[in-house]
Amino acid sequence: MDVLQHRVERQNVYEEIPKFWHDLYGTEYALLDVKVESRKTVQNIREAAERAGLIFAKTAKLMRQLPDETFRELGFPPETWSYIRLKTLPFESVIARIDFAVNGNEIKLLELNADTPTFIKETYRVNGEICRYHGLQDVNEEMEKVLAGEIRKAVEIALKQSGKGPHAKIVFTSHDDHEEDYWTVQYLMEISGLGAEYVALKDLRIIETDLIENGEVILPRGVYTPTFEKIDVLYRQTYPIEHLILDEDPITKEKVGIMLLKLAEENEVLLLNPPSAFLLQSKSVLALIWGLHEQKHPYFSRVEHEWISRYFLPTYLEEDNFLLREVKYVKKPSFGREGDTVEVFNGRGKKVIEDRLKTYEDTLPVYQQFVELPDYEIKTISGRRLAKIMYGCFLINGKPSAIGIRAGGQITNNASYFLPIGLVKEED
């Protein structure tokens, strides 16, 4: 198939998938190409995700006991310190994603997006459509049903623990002017079967104190829809807490984001992903885990230390360790996303690669040992090209789940492609 034919075929195939952003920012995003993976590699990735997830969950228990000063050193905004100590669910995050560099049998964890991972509809729905087009088995077969069930389970547990009734008002929210965020949240709401309503972030109404008239409360404090129905569960899959705390009412200049966190702390509204997801969102957590590992700290068992050694990369809050050993390293913002502000240095501290965006320059940086992403030839609408590939594996309520691939440069950013992944059918 030549380039023109491929371009036309790709457009035809993706136009059959409703409410999906196969092009982003006016350029190709979802490839019609597919990487055929071995069952053993898929199994190894899910095993790595499960073990790493257990390490993160155990670390979260320790972190809730940390003093405020340590949270400051780890880069958490002071406005979140009381919020992130809350434990509202038996698992730390409903939907989280771990990113890996996979080189043969070596699997190294790059980071955990515990709070607001996207790439969800791609892996759980679209991946299967492209596998069927290519006559392959979907690596994530039947996992959409599991995802839907686990979302319902998380909401039910949260409602039960909070004492809110079975007829609770459930709302999914996002920015409605961001295509990927909007349709990701719409997809989650649709498959959840919760009978929820969508309300854009800008349309939420936050009432900080009870409204009283003639000595009677006419509107209790809480979070409301535009028609002033009180919201019991607010599912904000794509909106980061570190952005939320900066939100102001454009007219009154009230800190509405901080007001929302306060209402969540006081059980006036349930936020999902839960507070513990943000506790694990900072990449400084990787430095904490590695520091405990280097000390051979008894908080982790012998087996857990083996897992950290096998899957985690040396990560610190300073670069000195790498410069002393002349080891190539990556500088990442603790709360950065999509490769923004990421820089790669050689062992002498000279910058060799950087992302063009610098949004998170004021965020606490972490320094992680460099690992090369593997090369893979992909087919695009402009022809074949060599790309670096990174694997993401979702953790749903702490259990390993769907796997997806982003293809692009050594720094995986928002210009990287979605590369579907499939298996050769067993009967073949």
Protein backbone atom coordinates (compact mmCIF):
# COMPACT_ATOMS: atom_id res chain seq x y z
CA MET A 1 0.00 0.00 0.00
CA ASP A 2 1.55 3.35 -1.05
CA VAL A 3 1.48 6.49 1.07
CA LEU A 4 -1.64 7.97 -0.56
CA GLN A 5 -3.59 4.71 -0.25
CA HIS A 6 -2.52 4.39 3.39
CA ARG A 7 -3.65 7.94 4.11
CA VAL A 8 -7.08 7.34 2.59
CA GLU A 9 -7.49 3.95 4.30
CA ARG A 10 -6.51 5.39 7.68
CA GLN A 11 -9.07 8.16 7.33
CA ASN A 12 -11.78 5.70 6.35
CA VAL A 13 -11.05 3.34 9.25
CA TYR A 14 -10.88 6.03 11.94
CA GLU A 15 -13.97 7.87 10.70
CA GLU A 16 -15.90 4.72 11.63
CA ILE A 17 -14.84 5.14 15.29
CA PRO A 18 -17.15 7.75 16.81
CA LYS A 19 -16.07 10.45 19.27
CA PHE A 20 -12.36 9.81 18.81
CA TRP A 21 -9.54 12.26 18.13
CA HIS A 22 -7.46 10.30 15.56
CA ASP A 23 -5.89 13.64 14.61
CA LEU A 24 -4.77 16.11 17.29
CA TYR A 25 -3.68 19.71 16.85
CA GLY A 26 -4.23 19.29 13.10
CA THR A 27 -1.71 16.44 12.79
CA GLU A 28 -1.75 12.63 12.75
CA TYR A 29 -2.09 11.09 16.21
CA ALA A 30 -3.52 7.56 15.91
CA LEU A 31 -1.60 5.28 13.56
CA LEU A 32 -3.24 2.68 11.37
CA ASP A 33 -0.09 0.67 11.99
CA VAL A 34 0.08 -1.98 14.72
CA LYS A 35 2.91 -3.58 16.70
CA VAL A 36 2.57 -7.33 17.05
CA GLU A 37 3.77 -8.22 20.54
CA SER A 38 4.58 -11.55 22.17
CA ARG A 39 2.32 -12.88 24.91
CA LYS A 40 5.38 -13.25 27.13
CA THR A 41 6.27 -9.55 26.85
CA VAL A 42 2.66 -8.56 27.61
CA GLN A 43 2.65 -10.85 30.64
CA ASN A 44 5.98 -9.43 31.85
CA ILE A 45 4.73 -5.83 31.53
CA ARG A 46 1.58 -6.57 33.52
CA GLU A 47 3.61 -8.39 36.15
CA ALA A 48 5.95 -5.39 36.44
CA ALA A 49 2.96 -3.04 36.76
CA GLU A 50 1.38 -5.17 39.47
CA ARG A 51 4.58 -5.33 41.52
CA ALA A 52 5.35 -1.64 41.09
CA GLY A 53 1.76 -0.85 42.06
CA LEU A 54 2.24 -2.72 45.34
CA ILE A 55 5.41 -0.72 46.02
CA PHE A 56 3.59 2.56 45.40
CA ALA A 57 0.64 1.52 47.58
CA LYS A 58 2.96 0.63 50.46
CA THR A 59 4.82 3.92 50.01
CA ALA A 60 1.53 5.85 50.20
CA LYS A 61 0.85 4.39 53.66
CA LEU A 62 4.23 5.70 54.82
CA MET A 63 3.74 9.10 53.19
CA ARG A 64 0.50 9.83 55.06
CA GLN A 65 2.56 9.86 58.25
CA LEU A 66 5.12 12.37 56.95
CA PRO A 67 5.43 15.81 58.55
CA ASP A 68 4.49 18.89 56.55
CA GLU A 69 8.14 19.83 56.08
CA THR A 70 8.81 16.59 54.20
CA PHE A 71 5.84 17.26 51.92
CA ARG A 72 7.40 20.65 51.23
CA GLU A 73 10.73 19.02 50.36
CA LEU A 74 8.92 16.62 48.02
CA GLY A 75 7.33 19.53 46.16
CA PHE A 76 3.69 19.16 47.21
CA PRO A 77 1.84 22.52 47.32
CA PRO A 78 0.95 23.46 50.93
CA GLU A 79 -2.73 23.82 49.97
CA THR A 80 -2.85 20.05 49.36
CA TRP A 81 -1.12 18.70 52.50
CA SER A 82 -4.24 17.92 54.50
CA TYR A 83 -6.10 16.75 51.40
CA ILE A 84 -3.51 14.15 50.34
CA ARG A 85 -3.49 12.57 53.80
CA LEU A 86 -7.12 11.46 53.26
CA LYS A 87 -7.77 7.79 52.58
CA THR A 88 -11.21 7.53 50.99
CA LEU A 89 -10.92 4.20 49.16
CA PRO A 90 -9.22 0.85 49.87
CA PHE A 91 -7.03 1.43 46.77
CA GLU A 92 -4.86 4.48 46.10
CA SER A 93 -6.21 5.34 42.64
CA VAL A 94 -9.11 4.22 40.47
CA ILE A 95 -7.38 4.76 37.13
CA ALA A 96 -3.57 5.07 37.14
CA ARG A 97 -0.99 4.39 34.43
CA ILE A 98 2.64 3.33 34.72
CA ASP A 99 5.01 4.12 31.84
CA PHE A 100 7.81 1.69 31.04
CA ALA A 101 10.88 1.43 28.84
CA VAL A 102 10.90 -2.18 27.59
CA ASN A 103 14.16 -3.44 26.12
CA GLY A 104 13.86 -7.20 25.65
CA ASN A 105 13.50 -8.75 29.10
CA GLU A 106 14.50 -5.51 30.84
CA ILE A 107 11.52 -3.44 31.98
CA LYS A 108 12.24 -0.11 33.66
CA LEU A 109 9.65 2.16 35.23
CA LEU A 110 9.82 5.74 34.01
CA GLU A 111 6.95 7.26 36.00
CA LEU A 112 3.51 6.76 37.47
CA ASN A 113 0.57 8.95 36.50
CA ALA A 114 -1.66 8.13 39.45
CA ASP A 115 -3.99 11.11 39.36
CA THR A 116 -5.04 12.13 35.85
CA PRO A 117 -3.85 9.66 33.21
CA THR A 118 -5.38 9.88 29.76
CA PHE A 119 -4.69 7.43 26.86
CA ILE A 120 -7.73 5.49 28.13
CA LYS A 121 -10.13 5.28 25.19
CA GLU A 122 -7.19 4.52 22.92
CA THR A 123 -6.18 1.40 24.83
CA TYR A 124 -9.56 0.14 26.03
CA ARG A 125 -11.68 0.77 22.90
CA VAL A 126 -9.75 1.90 19.83
CA ASN A 127 -6.89 -0.59 20.15
CA GLY A 128 -9.35 -3.43 19.61
CA GLU A 129 -10.85 -1.81 16.51
CA ILE A 130 -7.44 -1.51 14.83
CA CYS A 131 -6.47 -5.06 15.85
CA ARG A 132 -9.64 -6.34 14.16
CA TYR A 133 -8.75 -4.37 11.02
CA HIS A 134 -5.37 -6.10 10.94
CA GLY A 135 -6.78 -9.55 11.80
CA LEU A 136 -5.00 -9.65 15.16
CA GLN A 137 -6.15 -10.39 18.70
CA ASP A 138 -6.58 -7.32 20.90
CA VAL A 139 -4.00 -7.32 23.69
CA ASN A 140 -6.66 -5.66 25.86
CA GLU A 141 -9.56 -7.95 24.99
CA GLU A 142 -12.51 -7.83 27.46
CA MET A 143 -10.75 -5.22 29.59
CA GLU A 144 -13.25 -2.47 28.82
CA LYS A 145 -15.89 -4.45 30.75
CA VAL A 146 -13.49 -4.76 33.68
CA LEU A 147 -12.77 -1.01 33.59
CA ALA A 148 -16.49 -0.21 33.63
CA GLY A 149 -17.10 -2.56 36.55
CA GLU A 150 -14.20 -1.17 38.56
CA ILE A 151 -15.38 2.42 38.09
CA ARG A 152 -18.82 1.44 39.41
CA LYS A 153 -17.18 -0.42 42.28
CA ALA A 154 -15.08 2.61 43.25
CA VAL A 155 -18.11 4.91 43.22
CA GLU A 156 -20.19 2.45 45.27
CA ILE A 157 -17.44 2.04 47.89
CA ALA A 158 -16.92 5.80 48.10
CA LEU A 159 -20.64 6.41 48.59
CA LYS A 160 -20.92 3.70 51.22
CA GLN A 161 -17.90 4.93 53.20
CA SER A 162 -19.15 8.51 53.09
CA GLY A 163 -22.67 7.62 54.19
CA LYS A 164 -24.24 9.08 51.06
CA GLY A 165 -27.35 7.32 49.77
CA PRO A 166 -27.94 5.08 46.74
CA HIS A 167 -29.61 7.95 44.84
CA ALA A 168 -26.51 10.12 44.92
CA LYS A 169 -25.87 12.75 42.25
CA ILE A 170 -22.86 11.67 40.17
CA VAL A 171 -21.20 14.14 37.81
CA PHE A 172 -18.28 13.70 35.41
CA THR A 173 -16.35 16.85 34.57
CA SER A 174 -13.54 18.19 32.39
CA HIS A 175 -12.67 21.19 30.29
CA ASP A 176 -15.21 21.10 27.49
CA ASP A 177 -12.98 22.98 25.04
CA HIS A 178 -10.22 20.33 25.05
CA GLU A 179 -11.16 17.55 22.63
CA GLU A 180 -9.11 14.72 24.15
CA ASP A 181 -10.14 15.49 27.75
CA TYR A 182 -13.81 15.99 26.85
CA TRP A 183 -14.23 12.74 24.91
CA THR A 184 -12.12 10.73 27.40
CA VAL A 185 -14.47 11.75 30.22
CA GLN A 186 -17.56 11.20 28.06
CA TYR A 187 -16.26 7.69 27.28
CA LEU A 188 -15.74 6.85 30.97
CA MET A 189 -19.18 8.17 31.84
CA GLU A 190 -20.77 6.16 29.04
CA ILE A 191 -19.18 2.80 29.89
CA SER A 192 -19.66 3.23 33.65
CA GLY A 193 -23.44 2.88 33.36
CA LEU A 194 -23.82 5.04 36.48
CA GLY A 195 -26.56 7.27 35.14
CA ALA A 196 -24.24 10.23 35.65
CA GLU A 197 -24.42 13.74 34.21
CA TYR A 198 -21.65 15.67 32.48
CA VAL A 199 -20.96 19.23 33.65
CA ALA A 200 -18.03 21.24 32.31
CA LEU A 201 -15.59 22.54 34.92
CA LYS A 202 -16.50 26.15 34.15
CA ASP A 203 -20.18 25.41 34.84
CA LEU A 204 -19.75 23.89 38.31
CA ARG A 205 -21.14 25.98 41.15
CA ILE A 206 -19.23 25.98 44.44
CA ILE A 207 -21.03 27.20 47.58
CA GLU A 208 -18.46 27.69 50.35
CA THR A 209 -20.89 28.40 53.20
CA ASP A 210 -24.58 27.65 53.77
CA LEU A 211 -26.89 30.21 52.21
CA ILE A 212 -29.33 31.28 54.93
CA GLU A 213 -32.57 33.22 54.54
CA ASN A 214 -34.88 34.09 57.43
CA GLY A 215 -32.90 31.82 59.70
CA GLU A 216 -33.25 28.78 57.39
CA VAL A 217 -30.63 27.13 55.22
CA ILE A 218 -31.93 27.44 51.67
CA LEU A 219 -28.78 26.10 49.98
CA PRO A 220 -26.29 23.97 51.94
CA ARG A 221 -22.58 24.36 51.24
CA GLY A 222 -21.29 22.04 48.52
CA VAL A 223 -20.71 21.62 44.79
CA TYR A 224 -23.63 22.06 42.43
CA THR A 225 -24.70 21.65 38.82
CA PRO A 226 -25.82 24.79 36.90
CA THR A 227 -29.40 23.96 37.94
CA PHE A 228 -28.27 23.76 41.59
CA GLU A 229 -28.53 20.02 42.11
CA LYS A 230 -26.02 19.14 44.82
CA ILE A 231 -23.24 16.84 43.56
CA ASP A 232 -22.26 13.87 45.70
CA VAL A 233 -19.54 12.38 43.45
CA LEU A 234 -17.38 14.49 41.12
CA TYR A 235 -15.32 12.42 38.68
CA ARG A 236 -12.50 14.67 37.37
CA GLN A 237 -10.31 12.19 35.48
CA THR A 238 -8.41 14.74 33.39
CA TYR A 239 -8.08 17.82 35.60
CA PRO A 240 -4.87 17.89 37.72
CA ILE A 241 -5.03 18.91 41.38
CA GLU A 242 -1.94 21.10 40.97
CA HIS A 243 -3.92 23.16 38.42
CA LEU A 244 -7.12 23.04 40.44
CA ILE A 245 -5.59 24.81 43.45
CA LEU A 246 -4.78 27.81 41.23
CA ASP A 247 -8.36 28.23 39.98
CA GLU A 248 -10.05 31.54 40.74
CA ASP A 249 -13.54 32.80 40.06
CA PRO A 250 -13.02 35.28 37.19
CA ILE A 251 -15.34 37.84 38.81
CA THR A 252 -14.97 37.47 42.58
CA LYS A 253 -11.36 36.18 42.46
CA GLU A 254 -12.29 33.58 45.09
CA LYS A 255 -9.96 30.57 45.22
CA VAL A 256 -12.63 28.14 44.02
CA GLY A 257 -10.17 25.26 43.54
CA ILE A 258 -9.03 25.41 47.16
CA MET A 259 -12.67 25.72 48.22
CA LEU A 260 -13.41 22.51 46.30
CA LEU A 261 -10.59 20.63 48.07
CA LYS A 262 -11.88 21.86 51.43
CA LEU A 263 -15.37 20.58 50.62
CA ALA A 264 -13.83 17.22 49.68
CA GLU A 265 -11.92 17.08 52.97
CA GLU A 266 -15.15 17.67 54.86
CA ASN A 267 -17.06 14.97 52.97
CA GLU A 268 -19.37 17.43 51.20
CA VAL A 269 -18.31 16.01 47.85
CA LEU A 270 -16.38 12.88 46.83
CA LEU A 271 -13.58 13.46 44.31
CA LEU A 272 -12.40 10.69 41.99
CA ASN A 273 -9.63 9.92 41.35
CA PRO A 274 -9.30 10.09 45.16
CA PRO A 275 -6.89 12.28 47.20
CA SER A 276 -4.40 9.41 47.50
CA ALA A 277 -3.92 9.47 43.72
CA PHE A 278 -2.42 12.96 43.97
CA LEU A 279 -0.28 11.77 46.88
CA LEU A 280 1.48 9.45 44.41
CA GLN A 281 1.42 11.83 41.42
CA SER A 282 4.66 13.64 42.19
CA LYS A 283 7.77 12.10 40.64
CA SER A 284 9.55 12.96 43.89
CA VAL A 285 7.89 9.78 45.21
CA LEU A 286 10.30 7.86 42.96
CA ALA A 287 13.20 9.52 44.77
CA LEU A 288 11.69 8.57 48.12
CA ILE A 289 11.31 4.93 47.06
CA TRP A 290 14.84 4.78 45.66
CA GLY A 291 16.29 6.42 48.75
CA LEU A 292 14.69 3.82 51.02
CA HIS A 293 15.95 1.09 48.69
CA GLU A 294 19.55 2.37 48.71
CA GLN A 295 19.44 2.42 52.51
CA LYS A 296 18.14 -1.18 52.44
CA HIS A 297 15.41 0.18 54.69
CA PRO A 298 13.42 -2.56 56.47
CA TYR A 299 10.16 -0.82 55.55
CA PHE A 300 10.39 -2.83 52.32
CA SER A 301 10.72 -6.60 52.48
CA ARG A 302 13.56 -8.49 50.80
CA VAL A 303 11.27 -9.36 47.87
CA GLU A 304 10.10 -5.76 47.56
CA HIS A 305 13.72 -4.56 47.46
CA GLU A 306 14.31 -7.07 44.64
CA TRP A 307 11.35 -5.61 42.73
CA ILE A 308 12.62 -2.04 43.21
CA SER A 309 16.09 -3.07 42.01
CA ARG A 310 14.60 -4.83 38.99
CA TYR A 311 12.03 -2.28 37.81
CA PHE A 312 12.84 1.15 39.29
CA LEU A 313 15.55 3.53 38.12
CA PRO A 314 17.90 5.45 40.43
CA THR A 315 16.08 8.74 41.10
CA TYR A 316 17.16 11.65 43.31
CA LEU A 317 16.28 15.24 44.18
CA GLU A 318 19.83 16.29 43.23
CA GLU A 319 21.97 15.50 40.16
CA ASP A 320 25.26 15.10 42.07
CA ASN A 321 25.13 11.31 42.18
CA PHE A 322 25.05 11.05 38.38
CA LEU A 323 27.76 13.66 37.86
CA LEU A 324 30.10 11.88 40.30
CA ARG A 325 29.62 8.62 38.40
CA GLU A 326 29.43 10.32 34.96
CA VAL A 327 26.10 8.63 34.23
CA LYS A 328 23.58 10.02 31.72
CA TYR A 329 20.43 11.28 33.43
CA VAL A 330 17.04 12.92 32.89
CA LYS A 331 15.76 16.03 34.65
CA LYS A 332 11.97 15.95 35.07
CA PRO A 333 9.54 18.34 36.76
CA SER A 334 7.88 16.61 39.70
CA PHE A 335 4.40 17.49 38.45
CA GLY A 336 5.09 17.75 34.71
CA ARG A 337 3.06 16.04 31.98
CA GLU A 338 3.48 14.91 28.38
CA GLY A 339 7.26 15.37 28.37
CA ASP A 340 6.87 19.12 28.99
CA THR A 341 10.08 20.65 30.51
CA VAL A 342 11.94 17.29 30.42
CA GLU A 343 15.70 17.52 29.69
CA VAL A 344 18.37 14.86 29.12
CA PHE A 345 21.99 15.38 30.22
CA ASN A 346 25.18 13.45 29.59
CA GLY A 347 27.32 12.28 32.49
CA ARG A 348 29.19 15.60 32.60
CA GLY A 349 26.03 17.66 33.02
CA LYS A 350 25.74 18.86 29.42
CA LYS A 351 22.19 19.05 28.07
CA VAL A 352 21.81 16.79 25.01
CA ILE A 353 18.00 16.62 24.50
CA GLU A 354 15.18 18.85 25.71
CA ASP A 355 11.47 19.32 25.16
CA ARG A 356 10.58 22.64 23.54
CA LEU A 357 7.88 23.38 26.14
CA LYS A 358 8.96 24.85 29.50
CA THR A 359 5.65 25.08 31.34
CA TYR A 360 6.92 23.47 34.56
CA GLU A 361 10.25 25.27 35.00
CA ASP A 362 9.24 26.44 38.48
CA THR A 363 8.30 22.92 39.64
CA LEU A 364 10.63 20.93 41.90
CA PRO A 365 12.81 18.79 39.58
CA VAL A 366 13.80 15.18 40.05
CA TYR A 367 16.80 13.49 38.45
CA GLN A 368 16.44 9.96 37.07
CA GLN A 369 18.99 7.67 35.47
CA PHE A 370 18.61 7.73 31.69
CA VAL A 371 17.34 4.65 29.89
CA GLU A 372 17.12 4.42 26.11
CA LEU A 373 13.69 3.77 24.65
CA PRO A 374 13.74 1.04 21.97
CA ASP A 375 13.50 1.88 18.26
CA TYR A 376 10.57 0.72 16.16
CA GLU A 377 9.69 1.47 12.54
CA ILE A 378 6.18 2.89 12.23
CA LYS A 379 3.96 3.57 9.25
CA THR A 380 2.56 7.11 9.12
CA ILE A 381 0.56 9.05 6.53
CA SER A 382 3.89 10.51 5.38
CA GLY A 383 5.63 7.15 5.01
CA ARG A 384 7.73 4.91 7.23
CA ARG A 385 9.92 6.39 9.96
CA LEU A 386 11.94 5.20 12.93
CA ALA A 387 10.46 6.10 16.31
CA LYS A 388 11.12 5.47 19.99
CA ILE A 389 8.36 3.54 21.74
CA MET A 390 7.16 3.65 25.34
CA TYR A 391 4.70 1.22 26.92
CA GLY A 392 1.98 2.30 29.32
CA CYS A 393 0.16 -0.17 31.55
CA PHE A 394 -2.95 0.88 33.46
CA LEU A 395 -3.61 0.00 37.07
CA ILE A 396 -7.35 -0.11 37.73
CA ASN A 397 -8.10 -0.09 41.45
CA GLY A 398 -4.56 -1.36 41.88
CA LYS A 399 -4.80 -4.25 39.37
CA PRO A 400 -2.80 -4.40 36.11
CA SER A 401 -4.94 -3.83 33.05
CA ALA A 402 -4.76 -2.46 29.50
CA ILE A 403 -1.45 -1.80 27.74
CA GLY A 404 -0.76 0.82 25.08
CA ILE A 405 2.20 2.23 23.16
CA ARG A 406 3.20 5.84 22.43
CA ALA A 407 5.67 6.30 19.57
CA GLY A 408 7.77 9.40 19.05
CA GLY A 409 11.09 10.73 20.28
CA GLN A 410 13.21 9.84 23.29
CA ILE A 411 11.06 12.34 25.22
CA THR A 412 7.47 11.15 24.84
CA ASN A 413 5.33 14.29 24.50
CA ASN A 414 1.96 15.41 23.18
CA ALA A 415 3.27 15.15 19.62
CA SER A 416 3.85 11.40 20.00
CA TYR A 417 1.68 8.88 18.15
CA PHE A 418 -0.72 6.26 19.46
CA LEU A 419 0.56 2.92 18.15
CA PRO A 420 -1.96 0.06 18.56
CA ILE A 421 -0.66 -3.25 19.89
CA GLY A 422 -1.89 -6.73 19.04
CA LEU A 423 -1.26 -10.45 19.38
CA VAL A 424 -1.21 -13.14 16.77
CA LYS A 425 -4.51 -15.04 17.17
CA GLU A 426 -4.01 -18.28 19.08
CA GLU A 427 -5.65 -20.43 16.39
CA ASP A 428 -2.98 -19.15 13.97
